Amino acid sequence: MLDCVDLEVAPQPDGRPPCPDTIVDRCKAMWENFKSFNHDATVTAVTHALAVVRSHYPAVDLQAIGAEFTRGTSAMEHQQLEDEVEDTAKKLASDVDLFGEMDSDGEAP
């Protein structure tokens, strides 16, 4: 599994498996790489969403959007707003090409 998500460890000269410390270190590095990838993917998706908002509403204040919900919005209202936009969010997310697999028309091959 580690070979799928992290660099392969050089083989031991005598053919023995890598020592347990090497495997633990690789797991720790893989976890950090995974967290970094997820952060970058989130930034990519949010950038796409905000660019779409800006394309429809050029005068919108993106700094205000990036701050937080408006003051006085309750947790229940947060959830209701999120429920209302979930389908649109899924559509926008499907437009983000994280792995470079879409063709020039934005379609997966």
PDB file of N, CA and C in Angstrom:
ATOM      1  N   MET A   1       0.821  -1.192   0.000  1.00  0.00           N
ATOM      2  CA  MET A   1       0.000   0.000   0.000  1.00  0.00           C
ATOM      3  C   MET A   1       0.863   1.254   0.000  1.00  0.00           C
ATOM      4  N   LEU A   2       1.927   1.245   0.777  1.00  0.00           N
ATOM      5  CA  LEU A   2       2.786   2.415   0.851  1.00  0.00           C
ATOM      6  C   LEU A   2       3.365   2.779  -0.505  1.00  0.00           C
ATOM      7  N   ASP A   3       3.658   1.786  -1.329  1.00  0.00           N
ATOM      8  CA  ASP A   3       4.215   2.067  -2.645  1.00  0.00           C
ATOM      9  C   ASP A   3       3.232   2.828  -3.524  1.00  0.00           C
ATOM     10  N   CYS A   4       1.949   2.769  -3.208  1.00  0.00           N
ATOM     11  CA  CYS A   4       0.943   3.496  -3.990  1.00  0.00           C
ATOM     12  C   CYS A   4       0.858   4.960  -3.596  1.00  0.00           C
ATOM     13  N   VAL A   5       1.283   5.300  -2.397  1.00  0.00           N
ATOM     14  CA  VAL A   5       1.108   6.674  -1.911  1.00  0.00           C
ATOM     15  C   VAL A   5       2.403   7.353  -1.506  1.00  0.00           C
ATOM     16  N   ASP A   6       3.515   6.650  -1.502  1.00  0.00           N
ATOM     17  CA  ASP A   6       4.763   7.237  -1.055  1.00  0.00           C
ATOM     18  C   ASP A   6       5.912   6.641  -1.857  1.00  0.00           C
ATOM     19  N   LEU A   7       7.054   7.309  -1.799  1.00  0.00           N
ATOM     20  CA  LEU A   7       8.215   6.816  -2.523  1.00  0.00           C
ATOM     21  C   LEU A   7       8.644   5.460  -1.991  1.00  0.00           C
ATOM     22  N   GLU A   8       9.132   4.640  -2.896  1.00  0.00           N
ATOM     23  CA  GLU A   8       9.569   3.307  -2.532  1.00  0.00           C
ATOM     24  C   GLU A   8      10.913   3.379  -1.820  1.00  0.00           C
ATOM     25  N   VAL A   9      11.095   2.563  -0.792  1.00  0.00           N
ATOM     26  CA  VAL A   9      12.354   2.505  -0.063  1.00  0.00           C
ATOM     27  C   VAL A   9      13.331   1.667  -0.869  1.00  0.00           C
ATOM     28  N   ALA A  10      14.573   2.126  -0.901  1.00  0.00           N
ATOM     29  CA  ALA A  10      15.604   1.360  -1.619  1.00  0.00           C
ATOM     30  C   ALA A  10      15.742  -0.018  -0.978  1.00  0.00           C
ATOM     31  N   PRO A  11      15.922  -1.058  -1.805  1.00  0.00           N
ATOM     32  CA  PRO A  11      16.048  -2.407  -1.236  1.00  0.00           C
ATOM     33  C   PRO A  11      17.335  -2.544  -0.422  1.00  0.00           C
ATOM     34  N   GLN A  12      17.277  -3.411   0.578  1.00  0.00           N
ATOM     35  CA  GLN A  12      18.454  -3.698   1.388  1.00  0.00           C
ATOM     36  C   GLN A  12      19.434  -4.488   0.512  1.00  0.00           C
ATOM     37  N   PRO A  13      20.736  -4.281   0.690  1.00  0.00           N
ATOM     38  CA  PRO A  13      21.712  -4.980  -0.165  1.00  0.00           C
ATOM     39  C   PRO A  13      21.638  -6.497  -0.053  1.00  0.00           C
ATOM     40  N   ASP A  14      21.237  -7.009   1.104  1.00  0.00           N
ATOM     41  CA  ASP A  14      21.178  -8.460   1.270  1.00  0.00           C
ATOM     42  C   ASP A  14      19.780  -9.023   1.043  1.00  0.00           C
ATOM     43  N   GLY A  15      18.855  -8.194   0.531  1.00  0.00           N
ATOM     44  CA  GLY A  15      17.515  -8.669   0.209  1.00  0.00           C
ATOM     45  C   GLY A  15      16.552  -8.709   1.382  1.00  0.00           C
ATOM     46  N   ARG A  16      16.982  -8.305   2.561  1.00  0.00           N
ATOM     47  CA  ARG A  16      16.089  -8.303   3.724  1.00  0.00           C
ATOM     48  C   ARG A  16      15.031  -7.217   3.563  1.00  0.00           C
ATOM     49  N   PRO A  17      13.876  -7.372   4.214  1.00  0.00           N
ATOM     50  CA  PRO A  17      12.872  -6.297   4.171  1.00  0.00           C
ATOM     51  C   PRO A  17      13.386  -5.079   4.936  1.00  0.00           C
ATOM     52  N   PRO A  18      12.838  -3.888   4.639  1.00  0.00           N
ATOM     53  CA  PRO A  18      13.289  -2.707   5.365  1.00  0.00           C
ATOM     54  C   PRO A  18      12.995  -2.841   6.857  1.00  0.00           C
ATOM     55  N   CYS A  19      13.811  -2.171   7.662  1.00  0.00           N
ATOM     56  CA  CYS A  19      13.606  -2.270   9.107  1.00  0.00           C
ATOM     57  C   CYS A  19      12.296  -1.584   9.487  1.00  0.00           C
ATOM     58  N   PRO A  20      11.690  -1.995  10.614  1.00  0.00           N
ATOM     59  CA  PRO A  20      10.393  -1.435  11.021  1.00  0.00           C
ATOM     60  C   PRO A  20      10.403   0.085  11.153  1.00  0.00           C
ATOM     61  N   ASP A  21      11.529   0.672  11.600  1.00  0.00           N
ATOM     62  CA  ASP A  21      11.594   2.118  11.732  1.00  0.00           C
ATOM     63  C   ASP A  21      11.385   2.797  10.375  1.00  0.00           C
ATOM     64  N   THR A  22      11.934   2.214   9.331  1.00  0.00           N
ATOM     65  CA  THR A  22      11.777   2.774   7.992  1.00  0.00           C
ATOM     66  C   THR A  22      10.306   2.763   7.586  1.00  0.00           C
ATOM     67  N   ILE A  23       9.602   1.694   7.896  1.00  0.00           N
ATOM     68  CA  ILE A  23       8.183   1.596   7.553  1.00  0.00           C
ATOM     69  C   ILE A  23       7.388   2.624   8.343  1.00  0.00           C
ATOM     70  N   VAL A  24       7.676   2.781   9.622  1.00  0.00           N
ATOM     71  CA  VAL A  24       6.985   3.778  10.451  1.00  0.00           C
ATOM     72  C   VAL A  24       7.256   5.170   9.910  1.00  0.00           C
ATOM     73  N   ASP A  25       8.499   5.460   9.575  1.00  0.00           N
ATOM     74  CA  ASP A  25       8.845   6.773   9.013  1.00  0.00           C
ATOM     75  C   ASP A  25       8.108   7.011   7.698  1.00  0.00           C
ATOM     76  N   ARG A  26       8.012   5.985   6.868  1.00  0.00           N
ATOM     77  CA  ARG A  26       7.281   6.124   5.604  1.00  0.00           C
ATOM     78  C   ARG A  26       5.799   6.375   5.861  1.00  0.00           C
ATOM     79  N   CYS A  27       5.219   5.703   6.850  1.00  0.00           N
ATOM     80  CA  CYS A  27       3.807   5.922   7.183  1.00  0.00           C
ATOM     81  C   CYS A  27       3.594   7.357   7.647  1.00  0.00           C
ATOM     82  N   LYS A  28       4.484   7.861   8.482  1.00  0.00           N
ATOM     83  CA  LYS A  28       4.363   9.238   8.954  1.00  0.00           C
ATOM     84  C   LYS A  28       4.488  10.223   7.792  1.00  0.00           C
ATOM     85  N   ALA A  29       5.451   9.994   6.909  1.00  0.00           N
ATOM     86  CA  ALA A  29       5.630  10.879   5.751  1.00  0.00           C
ATOM     87  C   ALA A  29       4.424  10.793   4.823  1.00  0.00           C
ATOM     88  N   MET A  30       3.894   9.590   4.625  1.00  0.00           N
ATOM     89  CA  MET A  30       2.723   9.409   3.771  1.00  0.00           C
ATOM     90  C   MET A  30       1.529  10.166   4.338  1.00  0.00           C
ATOM     91  N   TRP A  31       1.334  10.134   5.660  1.00  0.00           N
ATOM     92  CA  TRP A  31       0.212  10.842   6.292  1.00  0.00           C
ATOM     93  C   TRP A  31       0.351  12.345   6.062  1.00  0.00           C
ATOM     94  N   GLU A  32       1.561  12.881   6.202  1.00  0.00           N
ATOM     95  CA  GLU A  32       1.783  14.309   5.962  1.00  0.00           C
ATOM     96  C   GLU A  32       1.532  14.649   4.491  1.00  0.00           C
ATOM     97  N   ASN A  33       1.979  13.786   3.584  1.00  0.00           N
ATOM     98  CA  ASN A  33       1.730  14.002   2.151  1.00  0.00           C
ATOM     99  C   ASN A  33       0.237  13.973   1.851  1.00  0.00           C
ATOM    100  N   PHE A  34      -0.480  13.058   2.488  1.00  0.00           N
ATOM    101  CA  PHE A  34      -1.927  12.940   2.284  1.00  0.00           C
ATOM    102  C   PHE A  34      -2.644  14.197   2.776  1.00  0.00           C
ATOM    103  N   LYS A  35      -2.265  14.699   3.954  1.00  0.00           N
ATOM    104  CA  LYS A  35      -2.876  15.916   4.475  1.00  0.00           C
ATOM    105  C   LYS A  35      -2.582  17.096   3.555  1.00  0.00           C
ATOM    106  N   SER A  36      -1.369  17.173   3.059  1.00  0.00           N
ATOM    107  CA  SER A  36      -0.996  18.260   2.139  1.00  0.00           C
ATOM    108  C   SER A  36      -1.802  18.174   0.846  1.00  0.00           C
ATOM    109  N   PHE A  37      -1.951  16.964   0.311  1.00  0.00           N
ATOM    110  CA  PHE A  37      -2.746  16.786  -0.908  1.00  0.00           C
ATOM    111  C   PHE A  37      -4.190  17.232  -0.668  1.00  0.00           C
ATOM    112  N   ASN A  38      -4.768  16.826   0.451  1.00  0.00           N
ATOM    113  CA  ASN A  38      -6.154  17.199   0.743  1.00  0.00           C
ATOM    114  C   ASN A  38      -6.309  18.708   0.889  1.00  0.00           C
ATOM    115  N   HIS A  39      -5.351  19.352   1.517  1.00  0.00           N
ATOM    116  CA  HIS A  39      -5.401  20.809   1.633  1.00  0.00           C
ATOM    117  C   HIS A  39      -5.341  21.445   0.250  1.00  0.00           C
ATOM    118  N   ASP A  40      -4.409  20.976  -0.584  1.00  0.00           N
ATOM    119  CA  ASP A  40      -4.284  21.533  -1.931  1.00  0.00           C
ATOM    120  C   ASP A  40      -5.547  21.279  -2.756  1.00  0.00           C
ATOM    121  N   ALA A  41      -6.155  20.107  -2.601  1.00  0.00           N
ATOM    122  CA  ALA A  41      -7.398  19.805  -3.320  1.00  0.00           C
ATOM    123  C   ALA A  41      -8.525  20.718  -2.869  1.00  0.00           C
ATOM    124  N   THR A  42      -8.582  20.988  -1.576  1.00  0.00           N
ATOM    125  CA  THR A  42      -9.599  21.898  -1.045  1.00  0.00           C
ATOM    126  C   THR A  42      -9.409  23.298  -1.608  1.00  0.00           C
ATOM    127  N   VAL A  43      -8.174  23.775  -1.613  1.00  0.00           N
ATOM    128  CA  VAL A  43      -7.890  25.104  -2.164  1.00  0.00           C
ATOM    129  C   VAL A  43      -8.288  25.168  -3.629  1.00  0.00           C
ATOM    130  N   THR A  44      -7.986  24.120  -4.382  1.00  0.00           N
ATOM    131  CA  THR A  44      -8.340  24.082  -5.800  1.00  0.00           C
ATOM    132  C   THR A  44      -9.850  24.157  -5.983  1.00  0.00           C
ATOM    133  N   ALA A  45     -10.600  23.383  -5.219  1.00  0.00           N
ATOM    134  CA  ALA A  45     -12.058  23.366  -5.352  1.00  0.00           C
ATOM    135  C   ALA A  45     -12.671  24.701  -4.937  1.00  0.00           C
ATOM    136  N   VAL A  46     -12.199  25.280  -3.846  1.00  0.00           N
ATOM    137  CA  VAL A  46     -12.749  26.557  -3.392  1.00  0.00           C
ATOM    138  C   VAL A  46     -12.379  27.666  -4.365  1.00  0.00           C
ATOM    139  N   THR A  47     -11.173  27.633  -4.898  1.00  0.00           N
ATOM    140  CA  THR A  47     -10.764  28.613  -5.913  1.00  0.00           C
ATOM    141  C   THR A  47     -11.692  28.546  -7.105  1.00  0.00           C
ATOM    142  N   HIS A  48     -11.995  27.339  -7.546  1.00  0.00           N
ATOM    143  CA  HIS A  48     -12.911  27.154  -8.679  1.00  0.00           C
ATOM    144  C   HIS A  48     -14.289  27.729  -8.355  1.00  0.00           C
ATOM    145  N   ALA A  49     -14.798  27.408  -7.171  1.00  0.00           N
ATOM    146  CA  ALA A  49     -16.128  27.892  -6.784  1.00  0.00           C
ATOM    147  C   ALA A  49     -16.164  29.418  -6.726  1.00  0.00           C
ATOM    148  N   LEU A  50     -15.151  30.028  -6.136  1.00  0.00           N
ATOM    149  CA  LEU A  50     -15.134  31.483  -6.040  1.00  0.00           C
ATOM    150  C   LEU A  50     -14.946  32.135  -7.412  1.00  0.00           C
ATOM    151  N   ALA A  51     -14.204  31.499  -8.288  1.00  0.00           N
ATOM    152  CA  ALA A  51     -14.058  32.025  -9.648  1.00  0.00           C
ATOM    153  C   ALA A  51     -15.389  31.985 -10.383  1.00  0.00           C
ATOM    154  N   VAL A  52     -16.176  30.927 -10.176  1.00  0.00           N
ATOM    155  CA  VAL A  52     -17.508  30.848 -10.784  1.00  0.00           C
ATOM    156  C   VAL A  52     -18.403  31.941 -10.213  1.00  0.00           C
ATOM    157  N   VAL A  53     -18.353  32.148  -8.898  1.00  0.00           N
ATOM    158  CA  VAL A  53     -19.137  33.229  -8.281  1.00  0.00           C
ATOM    159  C   VAL A  53     -18.732  34.559  -8.898  1.00  0.00           C
ATOM    160  N   ARG A  54     -17.429  34.807  -9.001  1.00  0.00           N
ATOM    161  CA  ARG A  54     -16.948  36.071  -9.551  1.00  0.00           C
ATOM    162  C   ARG A  54     -17.377  36.232 -11.010  1.00  0.00           C
ATOM    163  N   SER A  55     -17.425  35.127 -11.778  1.00  0.00           N
ATOM    164  CA  SER A  55     -17.825  35.235 -13.184  1.00  0.00           C
ATOM    165  C   SER A  55     -19.284  35.665 -13.328  1.00  0.00           C
ATOM    166  N   HIS A  56     -20.121  35.273 -12.379  1.00  0.00           N
ATOM    167  CA  HIS A  56     -21.534  35.656 -12.404  1.00  0.00           C
ATOM    168  C   HIS A  56     -21.789  37.004 -11.734  1.00  0.00           C
ATOM    169  N   TYR A  57     -20.996  37.310 -10.725  1.00  0.00           N
ATOM    170  CA  TYR A  57     -21.199  38.528  -9.933  1.00  0.00           C
ATOM    171  C   TYR A  57     -19.855  39.245  -9.760  1.00  0.00           C
ATOM    172  N   PRO A  58     -19.400  39.976 -10.797  1.00  0.00           N
ATOM    173  CA  PRO A  58     -18.068  40.592 -10.744  1.00  0.00           C
ATOM    174  C   PRO A  58     -17.865  41.562  -9.579  1.00  0.00           C
ATOM    175  N   ALA A  59     -18.919  42.152  -9.064  1.00  0.00           N
ATOM    176  CA  ALA A  59     -18.767  43.136  -7.990  1.00  0.00           C
ATOM    177  C   ALA A  59     -18.793  42.514  -6.597  1.00  0.00           C
ATOM    178  N   VAL A  60     -18.967  41.199  -6.489  1.00  0.00           N
ATOM    179  CA  VAL A  60     -19.074  40.568  -5.176  1.00  0.00           C
ATOM    180  C   VAL A  60     -17.769  40.742  -4.396  1.00  0.00           C
ATOM    181  N   ASP A  61     -17.877  40.943  -3.100  1.00  0.00           N
ATOM    182  CA  ASP A  61     -16.729  41.108  -2.219  1.00  0.00           C
ATOM    183  C   ASP A  61     -16.275  39.730  -1.738  1.00  0.00           C
ATOM    184  N   LEU A  62     -15.285  39.174  -2.408  1.00  0.00           N
ATOM    185  CA  LEU A  62     -14.816  37.835  -2.049  1.00  0.00           C
ATOM    186  C   LEU A  62     -14.143  37.813  -0.676  1.00  0.00           C
ATOM    187  N   GLN A  63     -13.604  38.930  -0.228  1.00  0.00           N
ATOM    188  CA  GLN A  63     -13.009  38.984   1.114  1.00  0.00           C
ATOM    189  C   GLN A  63     -14.082  38.728   2.172  1.00  0.00           C
ATOM    190  N   ALA A  64     -15.266  39.286   1.957  1.00  0.00           N
ATOM    191  CA  ALA A  64     -16.368  39.074   2.910  1.00  0.00           C
ATOM    192  C   ALA A  64     -16.808  37.615   2.890  1.00  0.00           C
ATOM    193  N   ILE A  65     -16.845  37.026   1.707  1.00  0.00           N
ATOM    194  CA  ILE A  65     -17.238  35.612   1.601  1.00  0.00           C
ATOM    195  C   ILE A  65     -16.218  34.736   2.320  1.00  0.00           C
ATOM    196  N   GLY A  66     -14.952  35.072   2.196  1.00  0.00           N
ATOM    197  CA  GLY A  66     -13.903  34.271   2.818  1.00  0.00           C
ATOM    198  C   GLY A  66     -13.821  34.409   4.317  1.00  0.00           C
ATOM    199  N   ALA A  67     -14.478  35.409   4.879  1.00  0.00           N
ATOM    200  CA  ALA A  67     -14.364  35.662   6.316  1.00  0.00           C
ATOM    201  C   ALA A  67     -15.111  34.611   7.135  1.00  0.00           C
ATOM    202  N   GLU A  68     -16.412  34.517   6.958  1.00  0.00           N
ATOM    203  CA  GLU A  68     -17.247  33.576   7.715  1.00  0.00           C
ATOM    204  C   GLU A  68     -18.702  33.852   7.378  1.00  0.00           C
ATOM    205  N   PHE A  69     -19.587  33.101   7.999  1.00  0.00           N
ATOM    206  CA  PHE A  69     -21.008  33.404   7.853  1.00  0.00           C
ATOM    207  C   PHE A  69     -21.266  34.787   8.431  1.00  0.00           C
ATOM    208  N   THR A  70     -22.341  35.426   7.976  1.00  0.00           N
ATOM    209  CA  THR A  70     -22.668  36.747   8.516  1.00  0.00           C
ATOM    210  C   THR A  70     -22.968  36.640  10.008  1.00  0.00           C
ATOM    211  N   ARG A  71     -22.671  37.707  10.711  1.00  0.00           N
ATOM    212  CA  ARG A  71     -22.866  37.738  12.161  1.00  0.00           C
ATOM    213  C   ARG A  71     -24.335  37.450  12.485  1.00  0.00           C
ATOM    214  N   GLY A  72     -24.549  36.634  13.493  1.00  0.00           N
ATOM    215  CA  GLY A  72     -25.901  36.326  13.931  1.00  0.00           C
ATOM    216  C   GLY A  72     -26.508  35.105  13.255  1.00  0.00           C
ATOM    217  N   THR A  73     -25.788  34.492  12.319  1.00  0.00           N
ATOM    218  CA  THR A  73     -26.302  33.284  11.668  1.00  0.00           C
ATOM    219  C   THR A  73     -26.108  32.113  12.622  1.00  0.00           C
ATOM    220  N   SER A  74     -27.183  31.420  12.930  1.00  0.00           N
ATOM    221  CA  SER A  74     -27.118  30.314  13.892  1.00  0.00           C
ATOM    222  C   SER A  74     -26.561  29.055  13.246  1.00  0.00           C
ATOM    223  N   ALA A  75     -26.199  28.096  14.084  1.00  0.00           N
ATOM    224  CA  ALA A  75     -25.700  26.811  13.592  1.00  0.00           C
ATOM    225  C   ALA A  75     -26.754  26.112  12.736  1.00  0.00           C
ATOM    226  N   MET A  76     -28.028  26.234  13.123  1.00  0.00           N
ATOM    227  CA  MET A  76     -29.101  25.624  12.341  1.00  0.00           C
ATOM    228  C   MET A  76     -29.205  26.297  10.968  1.00  0.00           C
ATOM    229  N   GLU A  77     -29.053  27.610  10.939  1.00  0.00           N
ATOM    230  CA  GLU A  77     -29.081  28.326   9.660  1.00  0.00           C
ATOM    231  C   GLU A  77     -27.868  27.962   8.802  1.00  0.00           C
ATOM    232  N   HIS A  78     -26.690  27.757   9.422  1.00  0.00           N
ATOM    233  CA  HIS A  78     -25.505  27.297   8.689  1.00  0.00           C
ATOM    234  C   HIS A  78     -25.837  25.993   7.968  1.00  0.00           C
ATOM    235  N   GLN A  79     -26.415  25.048   8.731  1.00  0.00           N
ATOM    236  CA  GLN A  79     -26.734  23.742   8.163  1.00  0.00           C
ATOM    237  C   GLN A  79     -27.760  23.863   7.044  1.00  0.00           C
ATOM    238  N   GLN A  80     -28.759  24.694   7.227  1.00  0.00           N
ATOM    239  CA  GLN A  80     -29.783  24.879   6.198  1.00  0.00           C
ATOM    240  C   GLN A  80     -29.164  25.452   4.926  1.00  0.00           C
ATOM    241  N   LEU A  81     -28.291  26.436   5.079  1.00  0.00           N
ATOM    242  CA  LEU A  81     -27.618  27.015   3.911  1.00  0.00           C
ATOM    243  C   LEU A  81     -26.756  25.965   3.205  1.00  0.00           C
ATOM    244  N   GLU A  82     -26.038  25.165   3.978  1.00  0.00           N
ATOM    245  CA  GLU A  82     -25.207  24.116   3.387  1.00  0.00           C
ATOM    246  C   GLU A  82     -26.065  23.081   2.668  1.00  0.00           C
ATOM    247  N   ASP A  83     -27.199  22.719   3.261  1.00  0.00           N
ATOM    248  CA  ASP A  83     -28.110  21.771   2.608  1.00  0.00           C
ATOM    249  C   ASP A  83     -28.630  22.330   1.283  1.00  0.00           C
ATOM    250  N   GLU A  84     -28.922  23.630   1.255  1.00  0.00           N
ATOM    251  CA  GLU A  84     -29.454  24.253   0.047  1.00  0.00           C
ATOM    252  C   GLU A  84     -28.449  24.265  -1.104  1.00  0.00           C
ATOM    253  N   VAL A  85     -27.167  24.368  -0.787  1.00  0.00           N
ATOM    254  CA  VAL A  85     -26.160  24.481  -1.852  1.00  0.00           C
ATOM    255  C   VAL A  85     -25.431  23.173  -2.149  1.00  0.00           C
ATOM    256  N   GLU A  86     -25.770  22.102  -1.452  1.00  0.00           N
ATOM    257  CA  GLU A  86     -25.027  20.854  -1.593  1.00  0.00           C
ATOM    258  C   GLU A  86     -25.020  20.324  -3.030  1.00  0.00           C
ATOM    259  N   ASP A  87     -26.171  20.313  -3.699  1.00  0.00           N
ATOM    260  CA  ASP A  87     -26.203  19.794  -5.070  1.00  0.00           C
ATOM    261  C   ASP A  87     -25.354  20.640  -6.010  1.00  0.00           C
ATOM    262  N   THR A  88     -25.418  21.957  -5.844  1.00  0.00           N
ATOM    263  CA  THR A  88     -24.598  22.843  -6.665  1.00  0.00           C
ATOM    264  C   THR A  88     -23.123  22.621  -6.363  1.00  0.00           C
ATOM    265  N   ALA A  89     -22.788  22.430  -5.097  1.00  0.00           N
ATOM    266  CA  ALA A  89     -21.400  22.178  -4.717  1.00  0.00           C
ATOM    267  C   ALA A  89     -20.881  20.894  -5.361  1.00  0.00           C
ATOM    268  N   LYS A  90     -21.710  19.862  -5.390  1.00  0.00           N
ATOM    269  CA  LYS A  90     -21.304  18.606  -6.024  1.00  0.00           C
ATOM    270  C   LYS A  90     -21.046  18.808  -7.508  1.00  0.00           C
ATOM    271  N   LYS A  91     -21.885  19.606  -8.162  1.00  0.00           N
ATOM    272  CA  LYS A  91     -21.691  19.897  -9.586  1.00  0.00           C
ATOM    273  C   LYS A  91     -20.390  20.653  -9.798  1.00  0.00           C
ATOM    274  N   LEU A  92     -20.161  21.693  -8.995  1.00  0.00           N
ATOM    275  CA  LEU A  92     -18.914  22.448  -9.109  1.00  0.00           C
ATOM    276  C   LEU A  92     -17.702  21.558  -8.864  1.00  0.00           C
ATOM    277  N   ALA A  93     -17.788  20.697  -7.861  1.00  0.00           N
ATOM    278  CA  ALA A  93     -16.673  19.806  -7.544  1.00  0.00           C
ATOM    279  C   ALA A  93     -16.380  18.852  -8.697  1.00  0.00           C
ATOM    280  N   SER A  94     -17.414  18.435  -9.411  1.00  0.00           N
ATOM    281  CA  SER A  94     -17.184  17.529 -10.543  1.00  0.00           C
ATOM    282  C   SER A  94     -16.476  18.229 -11.690  1.00  0.00           C
ATOM    283  N   ASP A  95     -16.487  19.571 -11.687  1.00  0.00           N
ATOM    284  CA  ASP A  95     -15.802  20.339 -12.722  1.00  0.00           C
ATOM    285  C   ASP A  95     -14.317  20.532 -12.427  1.00  0.00           C
ATOM    286  N   VAL A  96     -13.871  20.185 -11.223  1.00  0.00           N
ATOM    287  CA  VAL A  96     -12.479  20.384 -10.841  1.00  0.00           C
ATOM    288  C   VAL A  96     -11.680  19.151 -11.253  1.00  0.00           C
ATOM    289  N   ASP A  97     -10.621  19.382 -12.028  1.00  0.00           N
ATOM    290  CA  ASP A  97      -9.788  18.293 -12.538  1.00  0.00           C
ATOM    291  C   ASP A  97      -8.523  18.191 -11.690  1.00  0.00           C
ATOM    292  N   LEU A  98      -8.583  17.448 -10.589  1.00  0.00           N
ATOM    293  CA  LEU A  98      -7.440  17.339  -9.690  1.00  0.00           C
ATOM    294  C   LEU A  98      -6.316  16.482 -10.251  1.00  0.00           C
ATOM    295  N   PHE A  99      -6.632  15.574 -11.157  1.00  0.00           N
ATOM    296  CA  PHE A  99      -5.640  14.611 -11.609  1.00  0.00           C
ATOM    297  C   PHE A  99      -5.261  14.782 -13.074  1.00  0.00           C
ATOM    298  N   GLY A 100      -5.704  15.875 -13.718  1.00  0.00           N
ATOM    299  CA  GLY A 100      -5.350  16.107 -15.112  1.00  0.00           C
ATOM    300  C   GLY A 100      -5.928  15.076 -16.056  1.00  0.00           C
ATOM    301  N   GLU A 101      -7.122  14.574 -15.749  1.00  0.00           N
ATOM    302  CA  GLU A 101      -7.712  13.496 -16.537  1.00  0.00           C
ATOM    303  C   GLU A 101      -8.796  13.973 -17.500  1.00  0.00           C
ATOM    304  N   MET A 102      -9.099  15.279 -17.515  1.00  0.00           N
ATOM    305  CA  MET A 102     -10.165  15.773 -18.394  1.00  0.00           C
ATOM    306  C   MET A 102      -9.584  16.191 -19.736  1.00  0.00           C
ATOM    307  N   ASP A 103     -10.398  16.056 -20.772  1.00  0.00           N
ATOM    308  CA  ASP A 103      -9.965  16.507 -22.085  1.00  0.00           C
ATOM    309  C   ASP A 103     -10.198  18.006 -22.218  1.00  0.00           C
ATOM    310  N   SER A 104      -9.947  18.557 -23.395  1.00  0.00           N
ATOM    311  CA  SER A 104     -10.056  20.005 -23.591  1.00  0.00           C
ATOM    312  C   SER A 104     -11.486  20.527 -23.429  1.00  0.00           C
ATOM    313  N   ASP A 105     -12.484  19.645 -23.510  1.00  0.00           N
ATOM    314  CA  ASP A 105     -13.890  20.043 -23.322  1.00  0.00           C
ATOM    315  C   ASP A 105     -14.326  19.923 -21.866  1.00  0.00           C
ATOM    316  N   GLY A 106     -13.394  19.563 -20.963  1.00  0.00           N
ATOM    317  CA  GLY A 106     -13.720  19.422 -19.553  1.00  0.00           C
ATOM    318  C   GLY A 106     -14.430  18.125 -19.230  1.00  0.00           C
ATOM    319  N   GLU A 107     -14.284  17.132 -20.091  1.00  0.00           N
ATOM    320  CA  GLU A 107     -14.914  15.818 -19.880  1.00  0.00           C
ATOM    321  C   GLU A 107     -13.861  14.784 -19.541  1.00  0.00           C
ATOM    322  N   ALA A 108     -14.206  13.861 -18.650  1.00  0.00           N
ATOM    323  CA  ALA A 108     -13.305  12.748 -18.344  1.00  0.00           C
ATOM    324  C   ALA A 108     -13.326  11.773 -19.519  1.00  0.00           C
ATOM    325  N   PRO A 109     -12.145  11.240 -19.901  1.00  0.00           N
ATOM    326  CA  PRO A 109     -12.103  10.308 -21.052  1.00  0.00           C
ATOM    327  C   PRO A 109     -12.804   9.001 -20.780  1.00  0.00           C
TER     328      PRO A 109
END
